[in-house]
All heavy atoms as atom14 arrays in JSON, in Angstrom:
{
  "sequence": "ISNAMAHADRIRLELACASAFAGKHDPQLDWDVAYHMQAARLLL",
  "atom14_mask": [
    [1, 1, 1, 1, 1, 1, 1, 1, 0, 0, 0, 0, 0, 0],
    [1, 1, 1, 1, 1, 1, 0, 0, 0, 0, 0, 0, 0, 0],
    [1, 1, 1, 1, 1, 1, 1, 1, 0, 0, 0, 0, 0, 0],
    [1, 1, 1, 1, 1, 0, 0, 0, 0, 0, 0, 0, 0, 0],
    [1, 1, 1, 1, 1, 1, 1, 1, 0, 0, 0, 0, 0, 0],
    [1, 1, 1, 1, 1, 0, 0, 0, 0, 0, 0, 0, 0, 0],
    [1, 1, 1, 1, 1, 1, 1, 1, 1, 1, 0, 0, 0, 0],
    [1, 1, 1, 1, 1, 0, 0, 0, 0, 0, 0, 0, 0, 0],
    [1, 1, 1, 1, 1, 1, 1, 1, 0, 0, 0, 0, 0, 0],
    [1, 1, 1, 1, 1, 1, 1, 1, 1, 1, 1, 0, 0, 0],
    [1, 1, 1, 1, 1, 1, 1, 1, 0, 0, 0, 0, 0, 0],
    [1, 1, 1, 1, 1, 1, 1, 1, 1, 1, 1, 0, 0, 0],
    [1, 1, 1, 1, 1, 1, 1, 1, 0, 0, 0, 0, 0, 0],
    [1, 1, 1, 1, 1, 1, 1, 1, 1, 0, 0, 0, 0, 0],
    [1, 1, 1, 1, 1, 1, 1, 1, 0, 0, 0, 0, 0, 0],
    [1, 1, 1, 1, 1, 0, 0, 0, 0, 0, 0, 0, 0, 0],
    [1, 1, 1, 1, 1, 1, 0, 0, 0, 0, 0, 0, 0, 0],
    [1, 1, 1, 1, 1, 0, 0, 0, 0, 0, 0, 0, 0, 0],
    [1, 1, 1, 1, 1, 1, 0, 0, 0, 0, 0, 0, 0, 0],
    [1, 1, 1, 1, 1, 0, 0, 0, 0, 0, 0, 0, 0, 0],
    [1, 1, 1, 1, 1, 1, 1, 1, 1, 1, 1, 0, 0, 0],
    [1, 1, 1, 1, 1, 0, 0, 0, 0, 0, 0, 0, 0, 0],
    [1, 1, 1, 1, 0, 0, 0, 0, 0, 0, 0, 0, 0, 0],
    [1, 1, 1, 1, 1, 1, 1, 1, 1, 0, 0, 0, 0, 0],
    [1, 1, 1, 1, 1, 1, 1, 1, 1, 1, 0, 0, 0, 0],
    [1, 1, 1, 1, 1, 1, 1, 1, 0, 0, 0, 0, 0, 0],
    [1, 1, 1, 1, 1, 1, 1, 0, 0, 0, 0, 0, 0, 0],
    [1, 1, 1, 1, 1, 1, 1, 1, 1, 0, 0, 0, 0, 0],
    [1, 1, 1, 1, 1, 1, 1, 1, 0, 0, 0, 0, 0, 0],
    [1, 1, 1, 1, 1, 1, 1, 1, 0, 0, 0, 0, 0, 0],
    [1, 1, 1, 1, 1, 1, 1, 1, 1, 1, 1, 1, 1, 1],
    [1, 1, 1, 1, 1, 1, 1, 1, 0, 0, 0, 0, 0, 0],
    [1, 1, 1, 1, 1, 1, 1, 0, 0, 0, 0, 0, 0, 0],
    [1, 1, 1, 1, 1, 0, 0, 0, 0, 0, 0, 0, 0, 0],
    [1, 1, 1, 1, 1, 1, 1, 1, 1, 1, 1, 1, 0, 0],
    [1, 1, 1, 1, 1, 1, 1, 1, 1, 1, 0, 0, 0, 0],
    [1, 1, 1, 1, 1, 1, 1, 1, 0, 0, 0, 0, 0, 0],
    [1, 1, 1, 1, 1, 1, 1, 1, 1, 0, 0, 0, 0, 0],
    [1, 1, 1, 1, 1, 0, 0, 0, 0, 0, 0, 0, 0, 0],
    [1, 1, 1, 1, 1, 0, 0, 0, 0, 0, 0, 0, 0, 0],
    [1, 1, 1, 1, 1, 1, 1, 1, 1, 1, 1, 0, 0, 0],
    [1, 1, 1, 1, 1, 1, 1, 1, 0, 0, 0, 0, 0, 0],
    [1, 1, 1, 1, 1, 1, 1, 1, 0, 0, 0, 0, 0, 0],
    [1, 1, 1, 1, 1, 1, 1, 1, 0, 0, 0, 0, 0, 0]
  ],
  "atom14_positions": [
    [[82.63, 99.69, 99.25], [82.64, 100.6, 100.28], [81.77, 100.37, 101.39], [81.99, 100.36, 102.61], [82.4, 102.13, 99.83], [83.58, 102.53, 98.86], [82.19, 103.07, 100.81], [83.35, 103.79, 97.94], [0.0, 0.0, 0.0], [0.0, 0.0, 0.0], [0.0, 0.0, 0.0], [0.0, 0.0, 0.0], [0.0, 0.0, 0.0], [0.0, 0.0, 0.0]],
    [[80.49, 100.0, 101.0], [79.54, 99.77, 101.91], [79.82, 98.39, 102.82], [79.65, 98.47, 104.03], [78.13, 99.28, 101.31], [77.21, 99.01, 102.21], [0.0, 0.0, 0.0], [0.0, 0.0, 0.0], [0.0, 0.0, 0.0], [0.0, 0.0, 0.0], [0.0, 0.0, 0.0], [0.0, 0.0, 0.0], [0.0, 0.0, 0.0], [0.0, 0.0, 0.0]],
    [[80.45, 97.46, 102.14], [80.89, 96.21, 102.87], [81.96, 96.54, 103.87], [82.1, 96.16, 104.96], [81.38, 95.21, 101.94], [80.32, 94.48, 101.15], [79.05, 94.55, 101.6], [80.58, 93.75, 100.06], [0.0, 0.0, 0.0], [0.0, 0.0, 0.0], [0.0, 0.0, 0.0], [0.0, 0.0, 0.0], [0.0, 0.0, 0.0], [0.0, 0.0, 0.0]],
    [[83.05, 97.35, 103.32], [84.16, 97.82, 104.13], [83.7, 98.67, 105.43], [84.13, 98.5, 106.59], [85.15, 98.71, 103.38], [0.0, 0.0, 0.0], [0.0, 0.0, 0.0], [0.0, 0.0, 0.0], [0.0, 0.0, 0.0], [0.0, 0.0, 0.0], [0.0, 0.0, 0.0], [0.0, 0.0, 0.0], [0.0, 0.0, 0.0], [0.0, 0.0, 0.0]],
    [[82.59, 99.59, 105.29], [82.05, 100.25, 106.46], [81.42, 99.29, 107.37], [81.52, 99.5, 108.61], [81.09, 101.21, 105.87], [81.93, 102.47, 105.2], [80.83, 103.7, 104.43], [79.95, 104.36, 105.7], [0.0, 0.0, 0.0], [0.0, 0.0, 0.0], [0.0, 0.0, 0.0], [0.0, 0.0, 0.0], [0.0, 0.0, 0.0], [0.0, 0.0, 0.0]],
    [[80.74, 98.3, 106.78], [79.99, 97.31, 107.68], [80.96, 96.55, 108.53], [80.84, 96.31, 109.7], [79.16, 96.33, 106.92], [0.0, 0.0, 0.0], [0.0, 0.0, 0.0], [0.0, 0.0, 0.0], [0.0, 0.0, 0.0], [0.0, 0.0, 0.0], [0.0, 0.0, 0.0], [0.0, 0.0, 0.0], [0.0, 0.0, 0.0], [0.0, 0.0, 0.0]],
    [[82.14, 96.06, 107.87], [83.2, 95.43, 108.63], [83.84, 96.3, 109.67], [84.02, 95.81, 110.85], [84.28, 94.89, 107.67], [84.0, 93.68, 106.88], [83.28, 93.66, 105.75], [84.22, 92.4, 107.22], [83.12, 92.47, 105.21], [83.73, 91.61, 106.15], [0.0, 0.0, 0.0], [0.0, 0.0, 0.0], [0.0, 0.0, 0.0], [0.0, 0.0, 0.0]],
    [[84.0, 97.51, 109.34], [84.64, 98.35, 110.39], [83.7, 98.63, 111.57], [84.21, 98.68, 112.73], [84.95, 99.84, 109.62], [0.0, 0.0, 0.0], [0.0, 0.0, 0.0], [0.0, 0.0, 0.0], [0.0, 0.0, 0.0], [0.0, 0.0, 0.0], [0.0, 0.0, 0.0], [0.0, 0.0, 0.0], [0.0, 0.0, 0.0], [0.0, 0.0, 0.0]],
    [[82.38, 98.7, 111.34], [81.46, 98.86, 112.44], [81.47, 97.63, 113.26], [81.44, 97.71, 114.52], [80.14, 99.21, 111.81], [79.16, 99.57, 112.91], [79.59, 100.53, 113.79], [78.15, 99.13, 113.03], [0.0, 0.0, 0.0], [0.0, 0.0, 0.0], [0.0, 0.0, 0.0], [0.0, 0.0, 0.0], [0.0, 0.0, 0.0], [0.0, 0.0, 0.0]],
    [[81.57, 96.48, 112.58], [81.59, 95.26, 113.32], [82.79, 95.07, 114.28], [82.85, 94.56, 115.37], [81.29, 93.95, 112.56], [79.82, 93.9, 111.95], [79.6, 92.82, 111.11], [79.95, 91.53, 111.69], [80.21, 90.44, 111.05], [80.16, 90.38, 109.75], [80.32, 89.32, 111.73], [0.0, 0.0, 0.0], [0.0, 0.0, 0.0], [0.0, 0.0, 0.0]],
    [[83.92, 95.53, 113.65], [85.25, 95.42, 114.41], [85.1, 96.36, 115.59], [85.54, 95.93, 116.71], [86.39, 95.82, 113.5], [86.63, 94.82, 112.46], [87.6, 96.21, 114.27], [87.58, 95.32, 111.29], [0.0, 0.0, 0.0], [0.0, 0.0, 0.0], [0.0, 0.0, 0.0], [0.0, 0.0, 0.0], [0.0, 0.0, 0.0], [0.0, 0.0, 0.0]],
    [[84.4, 97.58, 115.43], [84.34, 98.49, 116.59], [83.5, 97.87, 117.58], [83.91, 97.91, 118.79], [83.7, 99.76, 116.03], [83.51, 100.86, 117.17], [82.6, 101.98, 116.73], [81.21, 101.5, 116.27], [80.36, 101.35, 117.05], [80.47, 101.32, 118.42], [79.16, 100.93, 116.55], [0.0, 0.0, 0.0], [0.0, 0.0, 0.0], [0.0, 0.0, 0.0]],
    [[82.4, 97.13, 117.32], [81.59, 96.53, 118.29], [82.33, 95.46, 119.01], [82.21, 95.36, 120.31], [80.26, 95.92, 117.54], [79.4, 97.09, 117.08], [78.13, 96.48, 116.3], [78.79, 97.87, 118.28], [0.0, 0.0, 0.0], [0.0, 0.0, 0.0], [0.0, 0.0, 0.0], [0.0, 0.0, 0.0], [0.0, 0.0, 0.0], [0.0, 0.0, 0.0]],
    [[82.99, 94.66, 118.18], [83.81, 93.43, 118.97], [84.84, 94.06, 119.96], [85.0, 93.44, 121.0], [84.46, 92.55, 117.92], [83.5, 91.85, 117.05], [82.75, 90.76, 117.86], [83.08, 90.46, 119.08], [81.67, 90.28, 117.32], [0.0, 0.0, 0.0], [0.0, 0.0, 0.0], [0.0, 0.0, 0.0], [0.0, 0.0, 0.0], [0.0, 0.0, 0.0]],
    [[85.47, 95.09, 119.45], [86.54, 95.8, 120.35], [85.88, 96.32, 121.68], [86.35, 96.37, 122.73], [87.46, 96.63, 119.66], [88.31, 96.05, 118.54], [89.06, 97.16, 117.79], [89.26, 95.08, 119.23], [0.0, 0.0, 0.0], [0.0, 0.0, 0.0], [0.0, 0.0, 0.0], [0.0, 0.0, 0.0], [0.0, 0.0, 0.0], [0.0, 0.0, 0.0]],
    [[84.64, 97.01, 121.43], [83.99, 97.58, 122.58], [83.68, 96.44, 123.5], [83.69, 96.72, 124.8], [82.87, 98.3, 122.1], [0.0, 0.0, 0.0], [0.0, 0.0, 0.0], [0.0, 0.0, 0.0], [0.0, 0.0, 0.0], [0.0, 0.0, 0.0], [0.0, 0.0, 0.0], [0.0, 0.0, 0.0], [0.0, 0.0, 0.0], [0.0, 0.0, 0.0]],
    [[83.14, 95.25, 122.99], [82.69, 94.2, 123.97], [84.0, 93.71, 124.73], [83.93, 93.52, 125.86], [82.16, 93.11, 123.17], [80.49, 93.42, 122.6], [0.0, 0.0, 0.0], [0.0, 0.0, 0.0], [0.0, 0.0, 0.0], [0.0, 0.0, 0.0], [0.0, 0.0, 0.0], [0.0, 0.0, 0.0], [0.0, 0.0, 0.0], [0.0, 0.0, 0.0]],
    [[85.03, 93.4, 123.85], [86.32, 93.07, 124.62], [86.76, 94.0, 125.66], [87.18, 93.52, 126.74], [87.24, 92.85, 123.53], [0.0, 0.0, 0.0], [0.0, 0.0, 0.0], [0.0, 0.0, 0.0], [0.0, 0.0, 0.0], [0.0, 0.0, 0.0], [0.0, 0.0, 0.0], [0.0, 0.0, 0.0], [0.0, 0.0, 0.0], [0.0, 0.0, 0.0]],
    [[86.77, 95.23, 125.32], [87.12, 96.23, 126.24], [86.16, 96.36, 127.53], [86.72, 96.48, 128.62], [87.0, 97.62, 125.59], [87.5, 98.62, 126.47], [0.0, 0.0, 0.0], [0.0, 0.0, 0.0], [0.0, 0.0, 0.0], [0.0, 0.0, 0.0], [0.0, 0.0, 0.0], [0.0, 0.0, 0.0], [0.0, 0.0, 0.0], [0.0, 0.0, 0.0]],
    [[84.88, 96.1, 127.36], [84.03, 96.1, 128.44], [84.26, 94.91, 129.41], [84.26, 95.02, 130.62], [82.5, 96.11, 127.96], [0.0, 0.0, 0.0], [0.0, 0.0, 0.0], [0.0, 0.0, 0.0], [0.0, 0.0, 0.0], [0.0, 0.0, 0.0], [0.0, 0.0, 0.0], [0.0, 0.0, 0.0], [0.0, 0.0, 0.0], [0.0, 0.0, 0.0]],
    [[84.47, 93.73, 128.82], [84.82, 92.6, 129.55], [86.06, 92.76, 130.39], [86.32, 92.44, 131.54], [84.82, 91.26, 128.72], [83.49, 90.75, 128.5], [83.09, 90.62, 127.16], [82.5, 90.38, 129.52], [81.79, 90.09, 126.75], [81.27, 89.88, 129.13], [80.86, 89.76, 127.87], [0.0, 0.0, 0.0], [0.0, 0.0, 0.0], [0.0, 0.0, 0.0]],
    [[87.13, 93.19, 129.67], [88.54, 93.49, 130.2], [88.55, 94.49, 131.3], [89.08, 94.17, 132.36], [89.43, 93.87, 129.12], [0.0, 0.0, 0.0], [0.0, 0.0, 0.0], [0.0, 0.0, 0.0], [0.0, 0.0, 0.0], [0.0, 0.0, 0.0], [0.0, 0.0, 0.0], [0.0, 0.0, 0.0], [0.0, 0.0, 0.0], [0.0, 0.0, 0.0]],
    [[87.55, 95.48, 131.24], [87.49, 96.48, 132.17], [87.03, 95.95, 133.5], [87.02, 96.68, 134.64], [0.0, 0.0, 0.0], [0.0, 0.0, 0.0], [0.0, 0.0, 0.0], [0.0, 0.0, 0.0], [0.0, 0.0, 0.0], [0.0, 0.0, 0.0], [0.0, 0.0, 0.0], [0.0, 0.0, 0.0], [0.0, 0.0, 0.0], [0.0, 0.0, 0.0]],
    [[86.32, 94.82, 133.52], [85.82, 94.31, 134.75], [86.92, 93.62, 135.74], [86.73, 93.37, 136.79], [84.72, 93.27, 134.46], [83.53, 93.94, 133.87], [82.23, 93.13, 133.87], [81.18, 93.83, 133.15], [80.71, 94.89, 133.8], [0.0, 0.0, 0.0], [0.0, 0.0, 0.0], [0.0, 0.0, 0.0], [0.0, 0.0, 0.0], [0.0, 0.0, 0.0]],
    [[88.2, 93.41, 135.0], [89.3, 92.74, 135.75], [88.83, 91.46, 136.5], [89.18, 91.26, 137.59], [89.89, 93.78, 136.73], [90.27, 95.06, 136.04], [91.36, 95.11, 135.17], [89.68, 96.26, 136.11], [91.45, 96.46, 134.85], [90.43, 97.11, 135.33], [0.0, 0.0, 0.0], [0.0, 0.0, 0.0], [0.0, 0.0, 0.0], [0.0, 0.0, 0.0]],
    [[88.14, 90.72, 135.78], [87.59, 89.47, 136.35], [88.29, 88.3, 135.64], [87.93, 88.24, 134.37], [86.13, 89.38, 136.38], [85.56, 88.07, 136.97], [86.35, 87.13, 137.14], [84.32, 88.07, 137.15], [0.0, 0.0, 0.0], [0.0, 0.0, 0.0], [0.0, 0.0, 0.0], [0.0, 0.0, 0.0], [0.0, 0.0, 0.0], [0.0, 0.0, 0.0]],
    [[89.22, 87.45, 136.13], [89.75, 86.38, 135.31], [88.81, 85.44, 134.79], [89.02, 84.85, 133.66], [90.66, 85.64, 136.42], [90.8, 86.67, 137.46], [89.61, 87.55, 137.42], [0.0, 0.0, 0.0], [0.0, 0.0, 0.0], [0.0, 0.0, 0.0], [0.0, 0.0, 0.0], [0.0, 0.0, 0.0], [0.0, 0.0, 0.0], [0.0, 0.0, 0.0]],
    [[87.56, 85.37, 135.22], [86.54, 84.51, 134.67], [86.08, 85.0, 133.32], [85.46, 84.19, 132.57], [85.41, 84.23, 135.7], [85.85, 83.44, 136.97], [84.59, 83.24, 137.91], [83.66, 83.88, 137.75], [84.86, 82.32, 138.79], [0.0, 0.0, 0.0], [0.0, 0.0, 0.0], [0.0, 0.0, 0.0], [0.0, 0.0, 0.0], [0.0, 0.0, 0.0]],
    [[86.36, 86.17, 133.11], [85.91, 86.88, 131.76], [86.86, 86.85, 130.7], [86.62, 87.34, 129.65], [85.3, 88.27, 131.98], [84.21, 88.36, 132.97], [83.77, 89.94, 133.27], [82.98, 87.63, 132.41], [0.0, 0.0, 0.0], [0.0, 0.0, 0.0], [0.0, 0.0, 0.0], [0.0, 0.0, 0.0], [0.0, 0.0, 0.0], [0.0, 0.0, 0.0]],
    [[88.17, 86.24, 131.07], [89.17, 86.17, 130.11], [88.75, 85.62, 128.8], [89.23, 85.91, 127.68], [90.48, 85.57, 130.66], [91.1, 86.38, 131.66], [90.77, 87.58, 131.94], [92.04, 85.94, 132.41], [0.0, 0.0, 0.0], [0.0, 0.0, 0.0], [0.0, 0.0, 0.0], [0.0, 0.0, 0.0], [0.0, 0.0, 0.0], [0.0, 0.0, 0.0]],
    [[87.98, 84.43, 128.85], [87.57, 83.73, 127.58], [86.76, 84.73, 126.77], [86.93, 84.73, 125.61], [86.7, 82.53, 128.01], [86.37, 81.93, 126.86], [86.96, 80.77, 126.3], [85.06, 81.9, 126.05], [86.39, 80.25, 125.1], [85.16, 80.98, 125.02], [84.1, 82.75, 125.99], [84.24, 80.85, 123.98], [83.09, 82.73, 125.11], [83.06, 81.77, 124.1]],
    [[85.87, 85.41, 127.47], [85.08, 86.45, 126.68], [85.85, 87.51, 125.96], [85.59, 87.82, 124.83], [84.06, 87.09, 127.64], [83.06, 86.13, 128.21], [82.24, 85.62, 127.47], [83.26, 85.79, 129.38], [0.0, 0.0, 0.0], [0.0, 0.0, 0.0], [0.0, 0.0, 0.0], [0.0, 0.0, 0.0], [0.0, 0.0, 0.0], [0.0, 0.0, 0.0]],
    [[86.93, 88.09, 126.61], [87.94, 88.99, 126.18], [88.48, 88.3, 124.8], [88.52, 88.95, 123.74], [88.81, 89.36, 127.15], [89.88, 90.32, 126.38], [88.17, 90.23, 128.24], [0.0, 0.0, 0.0], [0.0, 0.0, 0.0], [0.0, 0.0, 0.0], [0.0, 0.0, 0.0], [0.0, 0.0, 0.0], [0.0, 0.0, 0.0], [0.0, 0.0, 0.0]],
    [[89.1, 87.19, 124.99], [89.7, 86.4, 123.95], [88.74, 86.06, 122.73], [89.2, 86.36, 121.63], [90.35, 85.15, 124.34], [0.0, 0.0, 0.0], [0.0, 0.0, 0.0], [0.0, 0.0, 0.0], [0.0, 0.0, 0.0], [0.0, 0.0, 0.0], [0.0, 0.0, 0.0], [0.0, 0.0, 0.0], [0.0, 0.0, 0.0], [0.0, 0.0, 0.0]],
    [[87.58, 85.86, 123.07], [86.57, 85.47, 121.93], [86.31, 86.78, 121.11], [86.38, 86.75, 119.89], [85.28, 85.09, 122.63], [84.17, 84.82, 121.59], [84.07, 83.65, 120.88], [83.37, 85.92, 121.3], [83.08, 83.46, 119.88], [82.28, 85.75, 120.34], [82.13, 84.54, 119.66], [81.24, 84.41, 118.81], [0.0, 0.0, 0.0], [0.0, 0.0, 0.0]],
    [[86.16, 87.93, 121.72], [85.73, 89.07, 121.01], [86.97, 89.76, 120.32], [86.96, 90.26, 119.17], [85.17, 90.17, 122.0], [83.78, 89.79, 122.31], [82.71, 89.85, 121.55], [83.23, 89.42, 123.53], [81.68, 89.55, 122.06], [81.96, 89.11, 123.34], [0.0, 0.0, 0.0], [0.0, 0.0, 0.0], [0.0, 0.0, 0.0], [0.0, 0.0, 0.0]],
    [[88.28, 89.53, 120.85], [89.53, 89.96, 120.25], [89.62, 89.16, 118.98], [90.09, 89.65, 117.89], [90.6, 89.72, 121.16], [90.67, 90.86, 122.39], [90.59, 92.51, 121.79], [92.24, 92.69, 120.88], [0.0, 0.0, 0.0], [0.0, 0.0, 0.0], [0.0, 0.0, 0.0], [0.0, 0.0, 0.0], [0.0, 0.0, 0.0], [0.0, 0.0, 0.0]],
    [[89.43, 87.82, 119.08], [89.61, 86.98, 117.91], [88.57, 87.32, 116.88], [88.92, 87.28, 115.7], [89.43, 85.43, 118.32], [89.66, 84.43, 117.21], [91.01, 84.44, 116.49], [91.96, 85.06, 117.06], [91.03, 84.04, 115.23], [0.0, 0.0, 0.0], [0.0, 0.0, 0.0], [0.0, 0.0, 0.0], [0.0, 0.0, 0.0], [0.0, 0.0, 0.0]],
    [[87.37, 87.47, 117.12], [86.27, 88.03, 116.27], [86.83, 89.21, 115.6], [86.62, 89.34, 114.29], [85.01, 88.16, 116.97], [0.0, 0.0, 0.0], [0.0, 0.0, 0.0], [0.0, 0.0, 0.0], [0.0, 0.0, 0.0], [0.0, 0.0, 0.0], [0.0, 0.0, 0.0], [0.0, 0.0, 0.0], [0.0, 0.0, 0.0], [0.0, 0.0, 0.0]],
    [[87.29, 90.25, 116.23], [87.76, 91.38, 115.73], [88.98, 91.25, 114.77], [89.1, 91.78, 113.64], [88.26, 92.52, 116.76], [0.0, 0.0, 0.0], [0.0, 0.0, 0.0], [0.0, 0.0, 0.0], [0.0, 0.0, 0.0], [0.0, 0.0, 0.0], [0.0, 0.0, 0.0], [0.0, 0.0, 0.0], [0.0, 0.0, 0.0], [0.0, 0.0, 0.0]],
    [[89.88, 90.25, 115.11], [91.02, 89.92, 114.24], [90.48, 89.3, 112.88], [90.97, 89.76, 111.74], [92.0, 88.93, 114.83], [92.8, 89.43, 115.83], [93.75, 88.38, 116.48], [94.33, 88.96, 117.6], [93.98, 88.49, 118.88], [93.01, 87.74, 119.03], [94.67, 89.08, 119.96], [0.0, 0.0, 0.0], [0.0, 0.0, 0.0], [0.0, 0.0, 0.0]],
    [[89.48, 88.48, 113.02], [88.92, 87.78, 111.85], [88.25, 88.84, 110.88], [88.33, 88.92, 109.71], [87.98, 86.74, 112.22], [88.63, 85.55, 112.86], [87.57, 84.46, 113.34], [89.68, 84.83, 111.83], [0.0, 0.0, 0.0], [0.0, 0.0, 0.0], [0.0, 0.0, 0.0], [0.0, 0.0, 0.0], [0.0, 0.0, 0.0], [0.0, 0.0, 0.0]],
    [[87.59, 89.72, 111.48], [86.9, 90.91, 110.87], [87.86, 91.73, 110.08], [87.64, 92.2, 108.96], [85.93, 91.58, 111.7], [84.68, 90.87, 112.06], [83.95, 91.57, 113.22], [83.74, 90.66, 110.92], [0.0, 0.0, 0.0], [0.0, 0.0, 0.0], [0.0, 0.0, 0.0], [0.0, 0.0, 0.0], [0.0, 0.0, 0.0], [0.0, 0.0, 0.0]],
    [[88.94, 91.96, 110.88], [89.93, 92.88, 110.2], [90.62, 92.14, 108.96], [90.8, 92.82, 107.96], [91.08, 93.22, 111.23], [92.21, 94.03, 110.82], [91.72, 95.46, 110.4], [93.19, 94.26, 111.86], [0.0, 0.0, 0.0], [0.0, 0.0, 0.0], [0.0, 0.0, 0.0], [0.0, 0.0, 0.0], [0.0, 0.0, 0.0], [0.0, 0.0, 0.0]]
  ]
}
């Protein structure tokens, strides 16, 4: 349960980072969005 909660929190953080980068609508940040989305997928 503790490990699952830690994973869920890390997923939330990765998605928040991806969302923040995507919200800037800057094509130069696409790599950062993809990086954090992939990290969230792996954590999921």
